[in-house]
PDB file of N, CA and C in Angstrom:
ATOM      1  N   MET A   1     264.690  51.563 124.754  1.00  0.00           N
ATOM      2  CA  MET A   1     265.962  52.020 124.581  1.00  0.00           C
ATOM      3  C   MET A   1     266.749  51.363 123.385  1.00  0.00           C
ATOM      4  N   CYS A   2     267.068  52.355 122.621  1.00  0.00           N
ATOM      5  CA  CYS A   2     267.890  51.534 121.427  1.00  0.00           C
ATOM      6  C   CYS A   2     269.051  50.831 121.592  1.00  0.00           C
ATOM      7  N   SER A   3     270.049  51.312 122.559  1.00  0.00           N
ATOM      8  CA  SER A   3     271.213  50.919 122.422  1.00  0.00           C
ATOM      9  C   SER A   3     271.285  49.276 122.987  1.00  0.00           C
ATOM     10  N   ALA A   4     270.272  48.878 123.832  1.00  0.00           N
ATOM     11  CA  ALA A   4     270.040  47.645 124.411  1.00  0.00           C
ATOM     12  C   ALA A   4     269.011  46.761 123.485  1.00  0.00           C
ATOM     13  N   ASN A   5     268.386  47.088 122.255  1.00  0.00           N
ATOM     14  CA  ASN A   5     267.184  46.430 121.883  1.00  0.00           C
ATOM     15  C   ASN A   5     267.763  46.458 120.249  1.00  0.00           C
ATOM     16  N   PRO A   6     268.544  45.515 119.970  1.00  0.00           N
ATOM     17  CA  PRO A   6     269.097  45.071 118.539  1.00  0.00           C
ATOM     18  C   PRO A   6     267.932  44.703 117.759  1.00  0.00           C
ATOM     19  N   SER A   7     266.845  44.341 118.056  1.00  0.00           N
ATOM     20  CA  SER A   7     265.807  43.967 117.263  1.00  0.00           C
ATOM     21  C   SER A   7     264.825  45.023 116.753  1.00  0.00           C
ATOM     22  N   ASP A   8     264.935  46.136 117.322  1.00  0.00           N
ATOM     23  CA  ASP A   8     264.113  47.272 116.936  1.00  0.00           C
ATOM     24  C   ASP A   8     264.573  47.816 115.612  1.00  0.00           C
ATOM     25  N   ALA A   9     263.703  47.815 114.747  1.00  0.00           N
ATOM     26  CA  ALA A   9     264.251  48.287 113.548  1.00  0.00           C
ATOM     27  C   ALA A   9     264.168  49.762 113.437  1.00  0.00           C
ATOM     28  N   SER A  10     263.994  50.578 114.567  1.00  0.00           N
ATOM     29  CA  SER A  10     264.250  51.997 114.427  1.00  0.00           C
ATOM     30  C   SER A  10     265.473  52.396 114.992  1.00  0.00           C
ATOM     31  N   CYS A  11     266.092  51.663 115.677  1.00  0.00           N
ATOM     32  CA  CYS A  11     267.382  51.969 116.358  1.00  0.00           C
ATOM     33  C   CYS A  11     268.639  51.570 115.338  1.00  0.00           C
ATOM     34  N   ASP A  12     269.712  52.249 115.716  1.00  0.00           N
ATOM     35  CA  ASP A  12     270.930  52.103 114.713  1.00  0.00           C
ATOM     36  C   ASP A  12     271.608  50.812 115.318  1.00  0.00           C
ATOM     37  N   PRO A  13     271.746  49.852 114.732  1.00  0.00           N
ATOM     38  CA  PRO A  13     272.355  48.434 115.217  1.00  0.00           C
ATOM     39  C   PRO A  13     273.769  48.593 115.938  1.00  0.00           C
ATOM     40  N   ALA A  14     274.555  49.791 115.393  1.00  0.00           N
ATOM     41  CA  ALA A  14     275.897  50.131 116.085  1.00  0.00           C
ATOM     42  C   ALA A  14     275.684  50.265 117.458  1.00  0.00           C
ATOM     43  N   GLY A  15     274.396  50.783 118.051  1.00  0.00           N
ATOM     44  CA  GLY A  15     274.101  51.182 119.301  1.00  0.00           C
ATOM     45  C   GLY A  15     274.230  50.104 120.227  1.00  0.00           C
ATOM     46  N   THR A  16     274.387  49.024 119.807  1.00  0.00           N
ATOM     47  CA  THR A  16     274.366  47.691 120.747  1.00  0.00           C
ATOM     48  C   THR A  16     275.679  47.371 121.087  1.00  0.00           C
ATOM     49  N   TYR A  17     276.893  47.990 120.421  1.00  0.00           N
ATOM     50  CA  TYR A  17     278.314  47.589 120.759  1.00  0.00           C
ATOM     51  C   TYR A  17     278.916  48.726 121.536  1.00  0.00           C
ATOM     52  N   SER A  18     278.306  48.845 122.819  1.00  0.00           N
ATOM     53  CA  SER A  18     279.072  49.892 123.484  1.00  0.00           C
ATOM     54  C   SER A  18     279.130  49.116 124.939  1.00  0.00           C
ATOM     55  N   SER A  19     280.031  49.753 125.882  1.00  0.00           N
ATOM     56  CA  SER A  19     280.077  49.282 127.035  1.00  0.00           C
ATOM     57  C   SER A  19     279.101  49.734 127.997  1.00  0.00           C
ATOM     58  N   HIS A  20     278.652  49.006 128.879  1.00  0.00           N
ATOM     59  CA  HIS A  20     277.761  49.788 129.911  1.00  0.00           C
ATOM     60  C   HIS A  20     278.273  49.928 131.434  1.00  0.00           C
ATOM     61  N   ASN A  21     278.590  48.986 131.880  1.00  0.00           N
ATOM     62  CA  ASN A  21     279.181  48.672 133.461  1.00  0.00           C
ATOM     63  C   ASN A  21     280.744  48.266 133.275  1.00  0.00           C
ATOM     64  N   VAL A  22     281.386  48.915 134.309  1.00  0.00           N
ATOM     65  CA  VAL A  22     282.721  48.460 134.568  1.00  0.00           C
ATOM     66  C   VAL A  22     283.167  48.380 136.113  1.00  0.00           C
ATOM     67  N   ILE A  23     283.509  47.038 136.253  1.00  0.00           N
ATOM     68  CA  ILE A  23     283.925  46.957 137.626  1.00  0.00           C
ATOM     69  C   ILE A  23     285.879  46.684 137.561  1.00  0.00           C
ATOM     70  N   VAL A  24     286.418  47.432 138.414  1.00  0.00           N
ATOM     71  CA  VAL A  24     287.957  46.983 138.430  1.00  0.00           C
ATOM     72  C   VAL A  24     288.399  46.344 139.604  1.00  0.00           C
ATOM     73  N   GLU A  25     288.935  45.446 139.347  1.00  0.00           N
ATOM     74  CA  GLU A  25     289.786  44.798 140.556  1.00  0.00           C
ATOM     75  C   GLU A  25     291.033  44.716 140.480  1.00  0.00           C
ATOM     76  N   THR A  26     291.852  45.122 141.666  1.00  0.00           N
ATOM     77  CA  THR A  26     293.354  44.799 141.895  1.00  0.00           C
ATOM     78  C   THR A  26     293.736  43.673 142.746  1.00  0.00           C
ATOM     79  N   THR A  27     294.437  42.637 141.991  1.00  0.00           N
ATOM     80  CA  THR A  27     294.775  41.556 142.688  1.00  0.00           C
ATOM     81  C   THR A  27     296.343  41.352 142.500  1.00  0.00           C
ATOM     82  N   GLY A  28     297.130  41.481 143.459  1.00  0.00           N
ATOM     83  CA  GLY A  28     298.506  41.495 143.698  1.00  0.00           C
ATOM     84  C   GLY A  28     299.005  42.671 142.811  1.00  0.00           C
ATOM     85  N   ASN A  29     299.694  42.249 141.743  1.00  0.00           N
ATOM     86  CA  ASN A  29     300.308  43.477 140.767  1.00  0.00           C
ATOM     87  C   ASN A  29     299.529  43.598 139.512  1.00  0.00           C
ATOM     88  N   LYS A  30     298.463  42.939 139.409  1.00  0.00           N
ATOM     89  CA  LYS A  30     297.446  43.054 138.281  1.00  0.00           C
ATOM     90  C   LYS A  30     296.103  43.919 138.600  1.00  0.00           C
ATOM     91  N   VAL A  31     295.845  44.749 137.580  1.00  0.00           N
ATOM     92  CA  VAL A  31     294.700  45.461 137.635  1.00  0.00           C
ATOM     93  C   VAL A  31     293.758  45.004 136.443  1.00  0.00           C
ATOM     94  N   LYS A  32     292.529  44.362 136.864  1.00  0.00           N
ATOM     95  CA  LYS A  32     291.665  44.109 135.617  1.00  0.00           C
ATOM     96  C   LYS A  32     290.446  44.932 135.662  1.00  0.00           C
ATOM     97  N   ALA A  33     289.828  44.840 134.413  1.00  0.00           N
ATOM     98  CA  ALA A  33     288.519  45.508 134.369  1.00  0.00           C
ATOM     99  C   ALA A  33     287.786  44.625 133.749  1.00  0.00           C
ATOM    100  N   TYR A  34     286.207  44.508 134.327  1.00  0.00           N
ATOM    101  CA  TYR A  34     285.331  43.392 134.049  1.00  0.00           C
ATOM    102  C   TYR A  34     284.285  44.260 133.497  1.00  0.00           C
ATOM    103  N   ILE A  35     283.857  44.049 132.162  1.00  0.00           N
ATOM    104  CA  ILE A  35     282.917  45.014 131.493  1.00  0.00           C
ATOM    105  C   ILE A  35     281.968  44.302 130.873  1.00  0.00           C
ATOM    106  N   SER A  36     280.666  44.965 131.122  1.00  0.00           N
ATOM    107  CA  SER A  36     279.388  44.099 130.361  1.00  0.00           C
ATOM    108  C   SER A  36     279.416  45.252 129.071  1.00  0.00           C
ATOM    109  N   TRP A  37     279.239  44.708 127.960  1.00  0.00           N
ATOM    110  CA  TRP A  37     279.426  45.394 126.749  1.00  0.00           C
ATOM    111  C   TRP A  37     278.132  44.950 125.850  1.00  0.00           C
ATOM    112  N   TYR A  38     277.043  44.951 126.245  1.00  0.00           N
ATOM    113  CA  TYR A  38     275.805  44.839 125.333  1.00  0.00           C
ATOM    114  C   TYR A  38     276.157  43.770 124.347  1.00  0.00           C
ATOM    115  N   SER A  39     276.144  43.647 123.094  1.00  0.00           N
ATOM    116  CA  SER A  39     276.092  42.668 122.166  1.00  0.00           C
ATOM    117  C   SER A  39     277.451  41.972 121.996  1.00  0.00           C
ATOM    118  N   ASP A  40     278.509  42.873 122.419  1.00  0.00           N
ATOM    119  CA  ASP A  40     279.823  42.326 122.359  1.00  0.00           C
ATOM    120  C   ASP A  40     280.155  41.604 123.652  1.00  0.00           C
ATOM    121  N   GLY A  41     279.122  41.215 124.649  1.00  0.00           N
ATOM    122  CA  GLY A  41     279.224  40.256 125.804  1.00  0.00           C
ATOM    123  C   GLY A  41     280.078  40.809 127.067  1.00  0.00           C
ATOM    124  N   MET A  42     280.503  39.898 127.581  1.00  0.00           N
ATOM    125  CA  MET A  42     281.266  40.026 128.903  1.00  0.00           C
ATOM    126  C   MET A  42     282.843  39.927 128.462  1.00  0.00           C
ATOM    127  N   LEU A  43     283.428  40.985 128.921  1.00  0.00           N
ATOM    128  CA  LEU A  43     285.000  41.281 128.580  1.00  0.00           C
ATOM    129  C   LEU A  43     285.838  41.199 129.855  1.00  0.00           C
ATOM    130  N   VAL A  44     287.154  40.826 129.878  1.00  0.00           N
ATOM    131  CA  VAL A  44     287.858  41.060 130.999  1.00  0.00           C
ATOM    132  C   VAL A  44     289.309  41.716 130.276  1.00  0.00           C
ATOM    133  N   ILE A  45     289.583  42.755 130.771  1.00  0.00           N
ATOM    134  CA  ILE A  45     290.753  43.410 130.425  1.00  0.00           C
ATOM    135  C   ILE A  45     291.702  43.832 131.218  1.00  0.00           C
ATOM    136  N   ASP A  46     292.969  43.654 130.943  1.00  0.00           N
ATOM    137  CA  ASP A  46     293.895  43.836 131.786  1.00  0.00           C
ATOM    138  C   ASP A  46     294.555  45.236 131.637  1.00  0.00           C
ATOM    139  N   VAL A  47     294.155  45.943 132.614  1.00  0.00           N
ATOM    140  CA  VAL A  47     294.686  47.256 132.419  1.00  0.00           C
ATOM    141  C   VAL A  47     295.620  47.724 133.506  1.00  0.00           C
ATOM    142  N   THR A  48     296.610  46.857 133.934  1.00  0.00           N
ATOM    143  CA  THR A  48     297.672  47.069 134.668  1.00  0.00           C
ATOM    144  C   THR A  48     298.572  48.211 134.210  1.00  0.00           C
ATOM    145  N   ASP A  49     299.061  48.222 132.708  1.00  0.00           N
ATOM    146  CA  ASP A  49     299.521  49.231 132.263  1.00  0.00           C
ATOM    147  C   ASP A  49     298.076  50.084 131.374  1.00  0.00           C
ATOM    148  N   PRO A  50     297.989  51.161 131.958  1.00  0.00           N
ATOM    149  CA  PRO A  50     296.757  51.890 131.252  1.00  0.00           C
ATOM    150  C   PRO A  50     296.981  52.166 129.936  1.00  0.00           C
ATOM    151  N   TYR A  51     298.208  52.368 129.285  1.00  0.00           N
ATOM    152  CA  TYR A  51     298.275  52.828 128.091  1.00  0.00           C
ATOM    153  C   TYR A  51     298.672  51.706 126.941  1.00  0.00           C
ATOM    154  N   ASN A  52     298.453  50.594 127.825  1.00  0.00           N
ATOM    155  CA  ASN A  52     298.415  49.289 126.779  1.00  0.00           C
ATOM    156  C   ASN A  52     297.721  48.368 127.407  1.00  0.00           C
ATOM    157  N   PRO A  53     296.118  48.534 127.457  1.00  0.00           N
ATOM    158  CA  PRO A  53     295.066  47.596 127.780  1.00  0.00           C
ATOM    159  C   PRO A  53     295.253  46.238 126.988  1.00  0.00           C
ATOM    160  N   VAL A  54     295.148  45.160 127.629  1.00  0.00           N
ATOM    161  CA  VAL A  54     294.988  44.124 126.851  1.00  0.00           C
ATOM    162  C   VAL A  54     293.791  43.177 127.207  1.00  0.00           C
ATOM    163  N   GLU A  55     292.959  42.575 126.087  1.00  0.00           N
ATOM    164  CA  GLU A  55     291.804  41.981 126.550  1.00  0.00           C
ATOM    165  C   GLU A  55     292.424  40.369 126.845  1.00  0.00           C
ATOM    166  N   VAL A  56     291.651  39.867 128.232  1.00  0.00           N
ATOM    167  CA  VAL A  56     292.256  38.665 128.467  1.00  0.00           C
ATOM    168  C   VAL A  56     291.363  37.572 128.185  1.00  0.00           C
ATOM    169  N   ALA A  57     289.989  37.993 128.410  1.00  0.00           N
ATOM    170  CA  ALA A  57     288.797  36.922 128.055  1.00  0.00           C
ATOM    171  C   ALA A  57     287.704  37.812 127.656  1.00  0.00           C
ATOM    172  N   ARG A  58     286.815  36.858 127.248  1.00  0.00           N
ATOM    173  CA  ARG A  58     285.522  37.298 126.521  1.00  0.00           C
ATOM    174  C   ARG A  58     284.338  36.313 126.461  1.00  0.00           C
ATOM    175  N   TYR A  59     283.212  36.676 126.835  1.00  0.00           N
ATOM    176  CA  TYR A  59     282.035  35.613 126.374  1.00  0.00           C
ATOM    177  C   TYR A  59     281.245  36.275 125.548  1.00  0.00           C
ATOM    178  N   THR A  60     280.771  35.941 124.299  1.00  0.00           N
ATOM    179  CA  THR A  60     279.545  36.210 123.511  1.00  0.00           C
ATOM    180  C   THR A  60     278.713  35.074 123.379  1.00  0.00           C
ATOM    181  N   ALA A  61     277.523  35.528 122.749  1.00  0.00           N
ATOM    182  CA  ALA A  61     276.679  34.375 122.531  1.00  0.00           C
ATOM    183  C   ALA A  61     275.337  35.126 121.731  1.00  0.00           C
ATOM    184  N   ASP A  62     274.978  34.477 120.518  1.00  0.00           N
ATOM    185  CA  ASP A  62     273.870  35.546 119.885  1.00  0.00           C
ATOM    186  C   ASP A  62     272.908  35.554 120.588  1.00  0.00           C
ATOM    187  N   GLY A  63     272.262  37.001 120.678  1.00  0.00           N
ATOM    188  CA  GLY A  63     271.159  36.927 121.277  1.00  0.00           C
ATOM    189  C   GLY A  63     271.185  37.599 122.425  1.00  0.00           C
ATOM    190  N   GLU A  64     272.332  37.407 123.123  1.00  0.00           N
ATOM    191  CA  GLU A  64     272.516  37.977 124.601  1.00  0.00           C
ATOM    192  C   GLU A  64     273.046  39.485 124.623  1.00  0.00           C
ATOM    193  N   THR A  65     272.627  40.420 125.241  1.00  0.00           N
ATOM    194  CA  THR A  65     273.199  41.458 125.491  1.00  0.00           C
ATOM    195  C   THR A  65     273.378  41.934 126.811  1.00  0.00           C
ATOM    196  N   TYR A  66     274.446  42.283 127.281  1.00  0.00           N
ATOM    197  CA  TYR A  66     274.811  42.435 128.843  1.00  0.00           C
ATOM    198  C   TYR A  66     274.913  43.918 129.133  1.00  0.00           C
ATOM    199  N   TRP A  67     273.819  44.226 130.270  1.00  0.00           N
ATOM    200  CA  TRP A  67     273.801  45.461 130.746  1.00  0.00           C
ATOM    201  C   TRP A  67     274.552  45.552 132.103  1.00  0.00           C
ATOM    202  N   GLY A  68     274.701  44.639 132.803  1.00  0.00           N
ATOM    203  CA  GLY A  68     275.492  45.017 134.050  1.00  0.00           C
ATOM    204  C   GLY A  68     276.425  44.077 134.318  1.00  0.00           C
ATOM    205  N   VAL A  69     277.397  43.927 135.316  1.00  0.00           N
ATOM    206  CA  VAL A  69     278.553  43.300 135.888  1.00  0.00           C
ATOM    207  C   VAL A  69     278.554  43.491 137.089  1.00  0.00           C
ATOM    208  N   TYR A  70     279.169  42.494 137.894  1.00  0.00           N
ATOM    209  CA  TYR A  70     279.345  42.481 139.302  1.00  0.00           C
ATOM    210  C   TYR A  70     280.565  41.317 139.277  1.00  0.00           C
ATOM    211  N   LYS A  71     281.603  41.737 139.979  1.00  0.00           N
ATOM    212  CA  LYS A  71     282.595  40.808 140.474  1.00  0.00           C
ATOM    213  C   LYS A  71     282.828  40.437 141.631  1.00  0.00           C
ATOM    214  N   GLU A  72     282.783  39.320 142.326  1.00  0.00           N
ATOM    215  CA  GLU A  72     283.178  38.901 143.536  1.00  0.00           C
ATOM    216  C   GLU A  72     284.523  39.174 143.821  1.00  0.00           C
ATOM    217  N   THR A  73     285.190  40.042 144.883  1.00  0.00           N
ATOM    218  CA  THR A  73     286.498  40.266 145.056  1.00  0.00           C
ATOM    219  C   THR A  73     287.266  39.092 145.495  1.00  0.00           C
ATOM    220  N   ASN A  74     288.631  38.957 144.922  1.00  0.00           N
ATOM    221  CA  ASN A  74     289.419  37.754 144.934  1.00  0.00           C
ATOM    222  C   ASN A  74     288.817  36.380 144.886  1.00  0.00           C
ATOM    223  N   SER A  75     287.699  36.445 143.969  1.00  0.00           N
ATOM    224  CA  SER A  75     287.374  35.342 143.495  1.00  0.00           C
ATOM    225  C   SER A  75     287.261  34.920 141.750  1.00  0.00           C
ATOM    226  N   PRO A  76     286.908  33.887 141.611  1.00  0.00           N
ATOM    227  CA  PRO A  76     286.763  34.062 139.996  1.00  0.00           C
ATOM    228  C   PRO A  76     285.406  34.114 139.309  1.00  0.00           C
ATOM    229  N   TRP A  77     284.492  34.381 140.186  1.00  0.00           N
ATOM    230  CA  TRP A  77     283.040  34.473 139.743  1.00  0.00           C
ATOM    231  C   TRP A  77     282.608  35.967 139.268  1.00  0.00           C
ATOM    232  N   ILE A  78     281.995  35.921 138.137  1.00  0.00           N
ATOM    233  CA  ILE A  78     281.544  37.208 137.617  1.00  0.00           C
ATOM    234  C   ILE A  78     280.254  36.951 137.205  1.00  0.00           C
ATOM    235  N   TYR A  79     279.216  38.241 137.838  1.00  0.00           N
ATOM    236  CA  TYR A  79     277.865  38.085 137.614  1.00  0.00           C
ATOM    237  C   TYR A  79     277.645  39.126 136.257  1.00  0.00           C
ATOM    238  N   GLY A  80     276.644  38.547 135.257  1.00  0.00           N
ATOM    239  CA  GLY A  80     276.326  39.544 134.175  1.00  0.00           C
ATOM    240  C   GLY A  80     274.780  39.452 134.163  1.00  0.00           C
ATOM    241  N   SER A  81     274.243  40.692 133.960  1.00  0.00           N
ATOM    242  CA  SER A  81     272.867  40.500 133.663  1.00  0.00           C
ATOM    243  C   SER A  81     272.558  40.837 132.016  1.00  0.00           C
ATOM    244  N   ASP A  82     272.042  39.828 131.575  1.00  0.00           N
ATOM    245  CA  ASP A  82     271.625  39.509 130.074  1.00  0.00           C
ATOM    246  C   ASP A  82     270.217  40.412 130.020  1.00  0.00           C
ATOM    247  N   ARG A  83     270.265  41.264 129.196  1.00  0.00           N
ATOM    248  CA  ARG A  83     268.675  42.019 129.181  1.00  0.00           C
ATOM    249  C   ARG A  83     267.679  41.170 128.747  1.00  0.00           C
ATOM    250  N   ASN A  84     268.081  40.053 127.835  1.00  0.00           N
ATOM    251  CA  ASN A  84     267.099  39.049 127.332  1.00  0.00           C
ATOM    252  C   ASN A  84     267.002  37.854 128.300  1.00  0.00           C
ATOM    253  N   GLY A  85     267.636  37.545 129.064  1.00  0.00           N
ATOM    254  CA  GLY A  85     268.073  36.220 129.559  1.00  0.00           C
ATOM    255  C   GLY A  85     268.092  36.261 130.992  1.00  0.00           C
ATOM    256  N   GLY A  86     268.081  37.407 131.796  1.00  0.00           N
ATOM    257  CA  GLY A  86     268.413  37.424 133.210  1.00  0.00           C
ATOM    258  C   GLY A  86     269.894  37.347 133.543  1.00  0.00           C
ATOM    259  N   LEU A  87     269.964  36.830 134.913  1.00  0.00           N
ATOM    260  CA  LEU A  87     271.197  36.833 135.510  1.00  0.00           C
ATOM    261  C   LEU A  87     271.970  35.547 134.823  1.00  0.00           C
ATOM    262  N   ARG A  88     273.517  35.712 134.553  1.00  0.00           N
ATOM    263  CA  ARG A  88     274.432  34.558 134.165  1.00  0.00           C
ATOM    264  C   ARG A  88     275.490  34.754 135.081  1.00  0.00           C
ATOM    265  N   ILE A  89     275.994  33.654 135.379  1.00  0.00           N
ATOM    266  CA  ILE A  89     277.179  33.548 136.323  1.00  0.00           C
ATOM    267  C   ILE A  89     278.313  32.918 135.562  1.00  0.00           C
ATOM    268  N   PHE A  90     279.560  33.652 135.521  1.00  0.00           N
ATOM    269  CA  PHE A  90     280.639  33.290 134.887  1.00  0.00           C
ATOM    270  C   PHE A  90     281.754  32.918 135.739  1.00  0.00           C
ATOM    271  N   LYS A  91     282.902  32.069 135.124  1.00  0.00           N
ATOM    272  CA  LYS A  91     283.860  31.868 135.980  1.00  0.00           C
ATOM    273  C   LYS A  91     285.046  32.064 135.005  1.00  0.00           C
ATOM    274  N   GLU A  92     285.926  32.725 135.662  1.00  0.00           N
ATOM    275  CA  GLU A  92     287.268  33.307 134.749  1.00  0.00           C
ATOM    276  C   GLU A  92     288.267  32.121 134.883  1.00  0.00           C
ATOM    277  N   PHE A  93     288.247  31.639 133.741  1.00  0.00           N
ATOM    278  CA  PHE A  93     289.181  30.377 133.740  1.00  0.00           C
ATOM    279  C   PHE A  93     290.797  30.525 133.373  1.00  0.00           C
ATOM    280  N   GLY A  94     291.164  31.764 132.802  1.00  0.00           N
ATOM    281  CA  GLY A  94     292.484  32.255 132.681  1.00  0.00           C
ATOM    282  C   GLY A  94     292.602  32.960 131.319  1.00  0.00           C
ATOM    283  N   SER A  95     293.632  33.203 130.758  1.00  0.00           N
ATOM    284  CA  SER A  95     293.709  34.016 129.333  1.00  0.00           C
ATOM    285  C   SER A  95     292.769  33.472 128.264  1.00  0.00           C
ATOM    286  N   GLY A  96     291.834  34.442 128.012  1.00  0.00           N
ATOM    287  CA  GLY A  96     291.121  34.070 126.652  1.00  0.00           C
ATOM    288  C   GLY A  96     289.584  33.560 127.030  1.00  0.00           C
ATOM    289  N   THR A  97     289.497  32.990 128.238  1.00  0.00           N
ATOM    290  CA  THR A  97     288.273  32.461 128.311  1.00  0.00           C
ATOM    291  C   THR A  97     287.396  32.968 129.428  1.00  0.00           C
ATOM    292  N   ILE A  98     285.955  32.813 129.287  1.00  0.00           N
ATOM    293  CA  ILE A  98     285.158  32.827 130.394  1.00  0.00           C
ATOM    294  C   ILE A  98     284.204  32.100 130.252  1.00  0.00           C
ATOM    295  N   GLY A  99     283.636  31.258 131.127  1.00  0.00           N
ATOM    296  CA  GLY A  99     282.761  30.220 130.856  1.00  0.00           C
ATOM    297  C   GLY A  99     281.430  30.547 131.676  1.00  0.00           C
ATOM    298  N   LYS A 100     280.468  30.100 131.157  1.00  0.00           N
ATOM    299  CA  LYS A 100     279.027  30.391 131.519  1.00  0.00           C
ATOM    300  C   LYS A 100     278.646  29.018 132.320  1.00  0.00           C
ATOM    301  N   LYS A 101     278.147  29.625 133.763  1.00  0.00           N
ATOM    302  CA  LYS A 101     277.744  28.382 134.620  1.00  0.00           C
ATOM    303  C   LYS A 101     276.207  28.108 134.374  1.00  0.00           C
TER     304      LYS A 101
END
């Protein structure tokens, strides 16, 4: 599948920069979307105001392409499946950062 294989010369490299899975969680008055975004990594977007989404955290690393995401409800743990390296576990630290454990 080209969209998940940036090293395949027959594939359009732009295909590795699309979202794949989304998990949405509402906590209090905040709504966040947790997204696996292939070569653009793992993203957290505040979608409380759907007309003004704000990226609040991101994790990217060379050679990693994220296919799936899972979020434990009411916890900081985010699970991402890197198509090249397996399961990665992240913790949301606050605005702007996701750390890989």
